[in-house]
Every structure is written in structure tokens, then in C-alpha cells.
């Protein structure tokens, strides 16, 4: 997308969403955070916002329904941070679009998983079954790796698990029909497919339960979601306070209460380990 056209689109988006245009006079205690609708927005509402408000911050949350606009809005200054992506996606998107973005802190993450409304088990798969998966490269790679582990396809030798694509399929063992869709559309695809990969945030936003999955990814460090900010803001006080909120015991308590099936961050696991090691624990 050409820069002038992109700027016009972002300006229109900011106007539609009520996001204030970036200004040098902006109150440093007013933060606009972009996220995807569903659990990551809920984490901010239930855990992060109350912590920061006690420190005098005013938090505005803007929810997006795609994985594209939040990074452009962040780079252009309409957002102070966004929360929806993992490091692989952030690095590839920032490099491709020449955006000065950086990761700030990891967050509890709902893993990608396989769901079905037509079958009760993966063993019911038949030749020619339809399988929907995300169409963005990084999440599609995760789906293909799981399909390889299931034995439904065989990926070529020495494939890169972070960059795997349909071109890496050496043998389609089950002759499955792969359908690539926008991640937000995957829950709806379950009406028509045999099986669908669904990112955890979109599964929960659609009213699905993580425990309903037929197979859940054992999430790696590459796919733990994060808070992204502009590279130039990494040492600013709001960034330090935002990172501290996600690393706090208060937010760990919120995670345990409202997001018990999520993959916790190393910071949270360390807090739990430290708590368990105290006398009397």
C-alpha cells in the first residue's frame, strides 16, 4: 500500500474509532491501547487498566477485527501500544512494512487449536476432509506443523517450522482440502468444514471454550503474545509502567481467576515459583 493512501486510510480509521490524532501536547498519562476483540481486550479491562488507573493513567481501549491495522495505527501514533500478536508476526510485519515497532512484554496467551462441530475426535478424519486454517503466514505455519504431527500431511525434510507454507507439503497423506481464511472468520467456518484451526482469542470471542478443542498446540516461546510499542517509546515511563503491570502479582491473580487455561509468561511462572517457595506455602 502506498504511504499517502495508507495515511488517508489511517486518518479515516482514527476518525471512525474516535482515536485522537498524535500530538506533542498529549498528556503522557493518557494511553490509547489497540487490541483484538475478546480475551486480550478482557485482560486489559479486568487486569491492566485498574492497575494503571491507580497510578493516575487514563486508558482508552480500541478493538480491531483484523491483524493489519493495529500495527499501522501504532506506527502512525494513533495508538500508544497494541496487544494481539506474537514476536514472529511482529518482526515479519514490521520488516515488510518498514515500521519502527518493538516488543515490550509477553502476555498470557490462548494457543491455536483444532475444533470441529461435525466430529468428536480427530480419528474420525476421512480422505478429502476439509480443514480451514489462518491465511496469515505465521499462524498458517503453526497449523501446518500440527497437521504434520497428526500425520495428515507430511512436510518436506528440514522445513522451517516458523515459515512453513503449503509449498512445504511433500505428501498430502489424507488428501485433505486446505482452506485459508482470515483468522477472525475461522470460528464461523466450523459450520462448513470438517475441522478448523482457530486462534485462541477468536475462539473465546466467538463463545467457544478452549477445552472443547480436539487438539491444542503446545505453545512455544515464538508464539506467546506480546505488547508492542513504537521503538522510540521503549524507555518512556508509560512503557515501563505498562510492562510492570503485566508482570505484577495483581495481574497474575487476574490471570488465574479469569484466564486459567492460558499459557502463562515466564514472569508469571517465576512469580508462582517464588510464592510456592516461601515458608508455609
Protein backbone atom coordinates (compact mmCIF):
# COMPACT_ATOMS: atom_id res chain seq x y z
CA UNK A 1 0.00 0.00 0.00
CA UNK A 2 1.42 3.40 -0.92
CA UNK A 3 2.22 5.68 2.03
CA UNK A 4 -0.13 8.60 1.15
CA UNK A 5 -3.06 6.25 0.63
CA UNK A 6 -2.25 4.37 3.84
CA UNK A 7 -2.10 7.64 5.78
CA UNK A 8 -5.52 8.64 4.45
CA UNK A 9 -6.96 5.27 5.45
CA UNK A 10 -5.46 5.53 8.92
CA UNK A 11 -6.81 9.05 9.34
CA UNK A 12 -10.27 7.81 8.38
CA UNK A 13 -9.89 4.85 10.73
CA UNK A 14 -8.84 7.12 13.60
CA UNK A 15 -11.83 9.37 12.97
CA UNK A 16 -14.23 6.41 12.82
CA UNK A 17 -12.88 4.88 16.02
CA UNK A 18 -12.61 8.16 17.88
CA UNK A 19 -8.83 7.86 18.27
CA UNK A 20 -7.15 11.17 18.85
CA UNK A 21 -4.51 12.14 16.31
CA UNK A 22 -0.95 12.13 17.71
CA UNK A 23 0.01 15.39 19.32
CA UNK A 24 3.14 16.64 21.06
CA UNK A 25 0.86 18.18 23.70
CA UNK A 26 -0.68 14.79 24.52
CA UNK A 27 -0.94 14.04 28.22
CA UNK A 28 1.65 11.31 28.97
CA UNK A 29 -0.85 9.78 31.40
CA UNK A 30 -3.42 9.21 28.63
CA UNK A 31 -2.82 5.90 26.88
CA UNK A 32 -4.62 4.50 23.84
CA UNK A 33 -4.18 0.74 23.52
CA UNK A 34 -5.31 -1.26 20.49
CA UNK A 35 -6.23 -4.93 20.71
CA UNK A 36 -8.36 -7.64 19.13
CA UNK A 37 -11.85 -8.12 20.49
CA UNK A 38 -12.10 -10.89 23.05
CA UNK A 39 -9.73 -12.19 25.73
CA UNK A 40 -6.79 -9.82 25.21
CA UNK A 41 -9.13 -6.87 25.49
CA UNK A 42 -10.62 -8.52 28.59
CA UNK A 43 -7.15 -8.92 30.12
CA UNK A 44 -6.68 -5.17 29.82
CA UNK A 45 -10.15 -4.33 31.13
CA UNK A 46 -10.00 -6.70 34.10
CA UNK A 47 -6.33 -6.56 35.00
CA UNK A 48 -4.16 -3.93 33.36
CA UNK A 49 -6.49 -0.93 33.28
CA UNK A 50 -7.27 -1.00 37.04
CA UNK A 51 -3.56 -1.23 37.88
CA UNK A 52 -2.62 1.71 35.67
CA UNK A 53 -5.60 3.81 36.75
CA UNK A 54 -4.35 3.59 40.34
CA UNK A 55 -1.16 5.23 39.04
CA UNK A 56 -3.09 8.10 37.51
CA UNK A 57 -3.38 6.85 33.93
CA UNK A 58 -6.44 7.23 31.74
CA UNK A 59 -6.79 4.21 29.46
CA UNK A 60 -8.72 4.10 26.19
CA UNK A 61 -9.13 0.71 24.56
CA UNK A 62 -9.66 0.39 20.81
CA UNK A 63 -10.70 -3.03 19.46
CA UNK A 64 -9.79 -4.15 15.93
CA UNK A 65 -11.15 -7.08 13.92
CA UNK A 66 -8.02 -7.77 11.87
CA UNK A 67 -4.27 -8.26 12.29
CA UNK A 68 -3.25 -5.46 9.89
CA UNK A 69 -4.48 -2.07 11.06
CA UNK A 70 -3.29 -2.23 14.70
CA UNK A 71 0.37 -2.11 13.69
CA UNK A 72 -0.10 0.70 11.17
CA UNK A 73 -2.11 2.67 13.74
CA UNK A 74 0.64 2.13 16.32
CA UNK A 75 3.42 3.21 13.95
CA UNK A 76 1.47 6.31 12.89
CA UNK A 77 0.93 7.36 16.51
CA UNK A 78 -2.83 6.80 16.86
CA UNK A 79 -2.07 4.11 19.45
CA UNK A 80 0.48 4.05 22.26
CA UNK A 81 0.60 0.24 22.33
CA UNK A 82 -1.17 -2.75 20.84
CA UNK A 83 -1.84 -6.23 22.17
CA UNK A 84 -2.73 -9.04 19.74
CA UNK A 85 0.36 -10.61 18.13
CA UNK A 86 3.42 -12.76 18.77
CA UNK A 87 7.07 -11.95 18.06
CA UNK A 88 7.23 -13.84 14.76
CA UNK A 89 4.30 -11.91 13.32
CA UNK A 90 5.53 -8.58 14.71
CA UNK A 91 9.04 -8.97 13.30
CA UNK A 92 7.84 -10.07 9.85
CA UNK A 93 5.17 -7.36 9.62
CA UNK A 94 7.48 -4.60 10.84
CA UNK A 95 10.27 -5.62 8.46
CA UNK A 96 7.96 -5.97 5.45
CA UNK A 97 6.29 -2.59 6.03
CA UNK A 98 9.37 -0.79 7.43
CA UNK A 99 7.64 0.08 10.71
CA UNK A 100 9.71 1.09 13.79
CA UNK A 101 7.95 -1.24 16.23
CA UNK A 102 9.29 -3.29 19.14
CA UNK A 103 8.06 -5.84 21.65
CA UNK A 104 7.67 -4.68 25.25
CA UNK A 105 6.43 -7.58 27.40
CA UNK A 106 4.88 -11.01 26.93
CA UNK A 107 1.26 -11.72 27.96
CA UNK A 108 -0.76 -14.85 28.87
CA UNK A 109 -1.76 -16.46 25.59
CA UNK A 110 -4.56 -18.71 24.38
CA UNK A 111 -2.99 -21.22 21.95
CA UNK A 112 -4.17 -22.12 18.48
CA UNK A 113 -6.16 -25.35 18.37
CA UNK A 114 -8.27 -27.63 16.16
CA UNK A 115 -12.04 -27.59 16.61
CA UNK A 116 -14.93 -29.37 14.92
CA UNK A 117 -18.72 -29.26 15.03
CA UNK A 118 -19.07 -32.35 12.84
CA UNK A 119 -16.66 -34.75 14.51
CA UNK A 120 -15.99 -35.73 18.12
CA UNK A 121 -12.42 -36.90 17.54
CA UNK A 122 -9.51 -36.42 15.16
CA UNK A 123 -9.56 -40.17 14.49
CA UNK A 124 -12.78 -39.66 12.53
CA UNK A 125 -10.90 -37.85 9.75
CA UNK A 126 -11.53 -39.27 6.27
CA UNK A 127 -9.77 -38.72 2.97
CA UNK A 128 -10.86 -35.47 1.37
CA UNK A 129 -11.81 -33.82 4.67
CA UNK A 130 -11.95 -30.01 4.62
CA UNK A 131 -9.63 -28.21 7.03
CA UNK A 132 -9.63 -24.44 7.49
CA UNK A 133 -6.56 -22.59 8.76
CA UNK A 134 -5.38 -18.97 9.16
CA UNK A 135 -4.25 -17.24 5.97
CA UNK A 136 -1.51 -15.12 7.58
CA UNK A 137 1.87 -16.84 7.08
CA UNK A 138 3.00 -17.20 10.69
CA UNK A 139 -0.22 -18.70 12.06
CA UNK A 140 -0.64 -20.86 8.97
CA UNK A 141 2.80 -22.31 9.67
CA UNK A 142 1.64 -23.32 13.14
CA UNK A 143 -1.37 -25.12 11.66
CA UNK A 144 0.73 -26.96 9.09
CA UNK A 145 3.17 -28.14 11.76
CA UNK A 146 0.27 -29.58 13.77
CA UNK A 147 -1.11 -31.30 10.66
CA UNK A 148 2.32 -32.84 10.09
CA UNK A 149 2.41 -34.03 13.71
CA UNK A 150 -1.02 -35.62 13.23
CA UNK A 151 0.18 -37.44 10.12
CA UNK A 152 -2.48 -35.86 7.89
CA UNK A 153 0.25 -34.30 5.77
CA UNK A 154 4.00 -34.78 5.53
CA UNK A 155 6.15 -31.69 5.30
CA UNK A 156 9.42 -31.82 3.38
CA UNK A 157 12.65 -32.66 5.19
CA UNK A 158 14.36 -29.80 7.04
CA UNK A 159 11.35 -27.46 6.75
CA UNK A 160 11.40 -24.31 8.87
CA UNK A 161 8.57 -24.65 11.45
CA UNK A 162 8.30 -20.86 11.74
CA UNK A 163 7.98 -20.29 7.99
CA UNK A 164 6.26 -23.48 6.81
CA UNK A 165 3.79 -22.95 3.95
CA UNK A 166 1.70 -25.10 1.66
CA UNK A 167 4.72 -25.27 -0.65
CA UNK A 168 6.43 -27.37 2.04
CA UNK A 169 3.81 -30.13 1.86
CA UNK A 170 5.62 -33.16 0.42
CA UNK A 171 2.72 -35.61 0.77
CA UNK A 172 -0.95 -34.91 1.47
CA UNK A 173 -1.45 -38.20 3.28
CA UNK A 174 -5.18 -37.77 3.99
CA UNK A 175 -5.81 -35.79 0.78
CA UNK A 176 -7.32 -33.07 2.93
CA UNK A 177 -8.66 -29.91 1.31
CA UNK A 178 -6.97 -26.92 2.93
CA UNK A 179 -8.93 -23.65 3.10
CA UNK A 180 -7.11 -20.45 4.07
CA UNK A 181 -9.24 -17.79 5.79
CA UNK A 182 -8.86 -14.59 7.77
CA UNK A 183 -8.30 -15.62 11.39
CA UNK A 184 -11.43 -13.82 12.55
CA UNK A 185 -13.56 -15.92 10.16
CA UNK A 186 -12.33 -19.30 11.38
CA UNK A 187 -14.92 -19.82 14.17
CA UNK A 188 -17.70 -19.26 11.64
CA UNK A 189 -16.07 -21.71 9.22
CA UNK A 190 -16.87 -24.59 11.57
CA UNK A 191 -20.38 -24.67 10.11
CA UNK A 192 -18.96 -25.83 6.78
CA UNK A 193 -15.64 -27.57 7.42
CA UNK A 194 -14.75 -30.90 8.96
CA UNK A 195 -12.07 -29.29 11.11
CA UNK A 196 -10.82 -25.74 11.62
CA UNK A 197 -7.77 -24.27 13.29
CA UNK A 198 -8.84 -21.32 15.43
CA UNK A 199 -6.62 -18.86 17.29
CA UNK A 200 -7.47 -18.84 20.98
CA UNK A 201 -8.54 -15.20 21.12
CA UNK A 202 -11.04 -15.63 18.28
CA UNK A 203 -12.31 -18.92 19.70
CA UNK A 204 -13.11 -17.27 23.02
CA UNK A 205 -14.56 -14.17 21.36
CA UNK A 206 -16.96 -16.50 19.49
CA UNK A 207 -18.13 -18.11 22.73
CA UNK A 208 -16.10 -21.29 22.26
CA UNK A 209 -14.26 -22.95 25.12
CA UNK A 210 -10.57 -23.81 24.93
CA UNK A 211 -11.33 -27.21 26.50
CA UNK A 212 -13.59 -28.05 23.53
CA UNK A 213 -10.57 -28.25 21.23
CA UNK A 214 -9.72 -31.66 19.78
CA UNK A 215 -6.01 -30.80 19.74
CA UNK A 216 -4.26 -27.82 21.30
CA UNK A 217 -0.85 -26.57 20.30
CA UNK A 218 1.89 -26.85 22.90
CA UNK A 219 2.74 -23.21 22.57
CA UNK A 220 6.38 -22.24 22.06
CA UNK A 221 8.12 -19.02 23.08
CA UNK A 222 7.81 -17.83 19.47
CA UNK A 223 4.02 -17.71 19.75
CA UNK A 224 3.46 -16.20 23.18
CA UNK A 225 1.62 -12.95 22.50
CA UNK A 226 3.04 -9.59 23.49
CA UNK A 227 2.56 -5.87 23.95
CA UNK A 228 4.03 -3.90 21.04
CA UNK A 229 5.07 -0.26 21.14
CA UNK A 230 7.00 2.15 18.94
CA UNK A 231 10.74 1.54 19.22
CA UNK A 232 11.30 5.16 20.23
CA UNK A 233 8.98 4.76 23.24
CA UNK A 234 10.66 1.76 24.84
CA UNK A 235 12.34 3.78 27.60
CA UNK A 236 9.41 6.09 28.31
CA UNK A 237 7.72 5.91 31.70
CA UNK A 238 4.36 4.73 30.33
CA UNK A 239 6.09 1.75 28.69
CA UNK A 240 7.84 0.83 31.94
CA UNK A 241 4.57 1.11 33.88
CA UNK A 242 2.67 -0.93 31.28
CA UNK A 243 5.28 -3.70 31.35
CA UNK A 244 5.30 -3.68 35.16
CA UNK A 245 1.52 -4.07 35.23
CA UNK A 246 1.69 -7.23 33.10
CA UNK A 247 4.48 -8.60 35.32
CA UNK A 248 2.69 -7.83 38.59
CA UNK A 249 1.22 -10.20 41.16
CA UNK A 250 -2.09 -8.36 40.77
CA UNK A 251 -2.29 -9.32 37.12
CA UNK A 252 -1.19 -12.88 37.90
CA UNK A 253 -4.20 -13.14 40.23
CA UNK A 254 -6.47 -11.90 37.43
CA UNK A 255 -4.93 -14.45 35.06
CA UNK A 256 -5.53 -17.31 37.49
CA UNK A 257 -9.13 -16.25 38.09
CA UNK A 258 -10.34 -15.39 34.59
CA UNK A 259 -7.84 -17.00 32.17
CA UNK A 260 -6.84 -20.31 33.82
CA UNK A 261 -6.31 -22.27 30.58
CA UNK A 262 -3.88 -19.79 29.05
CA UNK A 263 -0.14 -20.32 28.64
CA UNK A 264 1.47 -18.10 31.26
CA UNK A 265 4.52 -15.97 30.70
CA UNK A 266 7.94 -16.70 32.18
CA UNK A 267 7.45 -13.72 34.50
CA UNK A 268 4.21 -15.19 35.85
CA UNK A 269 5.70 -18.67 36.25
CA UNK A 270 8.60 -17.14 38.17
CA UNK A 271 6.17 -15.32 40.48
CA UNK A 272 4.30 -18.55 41.15
CA UNK A 273 7.54 -20.42 41.81
CA UNK A 274 8.70 -17.72 44.21
CA UNK A 275 5.36 -17.81 46.03
CA UNK A 276 5.46 -21.59 46.34
CA UNK A 277 8.99 -21.44 47.75
CA UNK A 278 8.04 -19.14 50.64
CA UNK A 279 7.85 -20.73 54.14
CA UNK A 280 4.40 -22.02 54.90
CA UNK A 281 3.49 -22.35 51.22
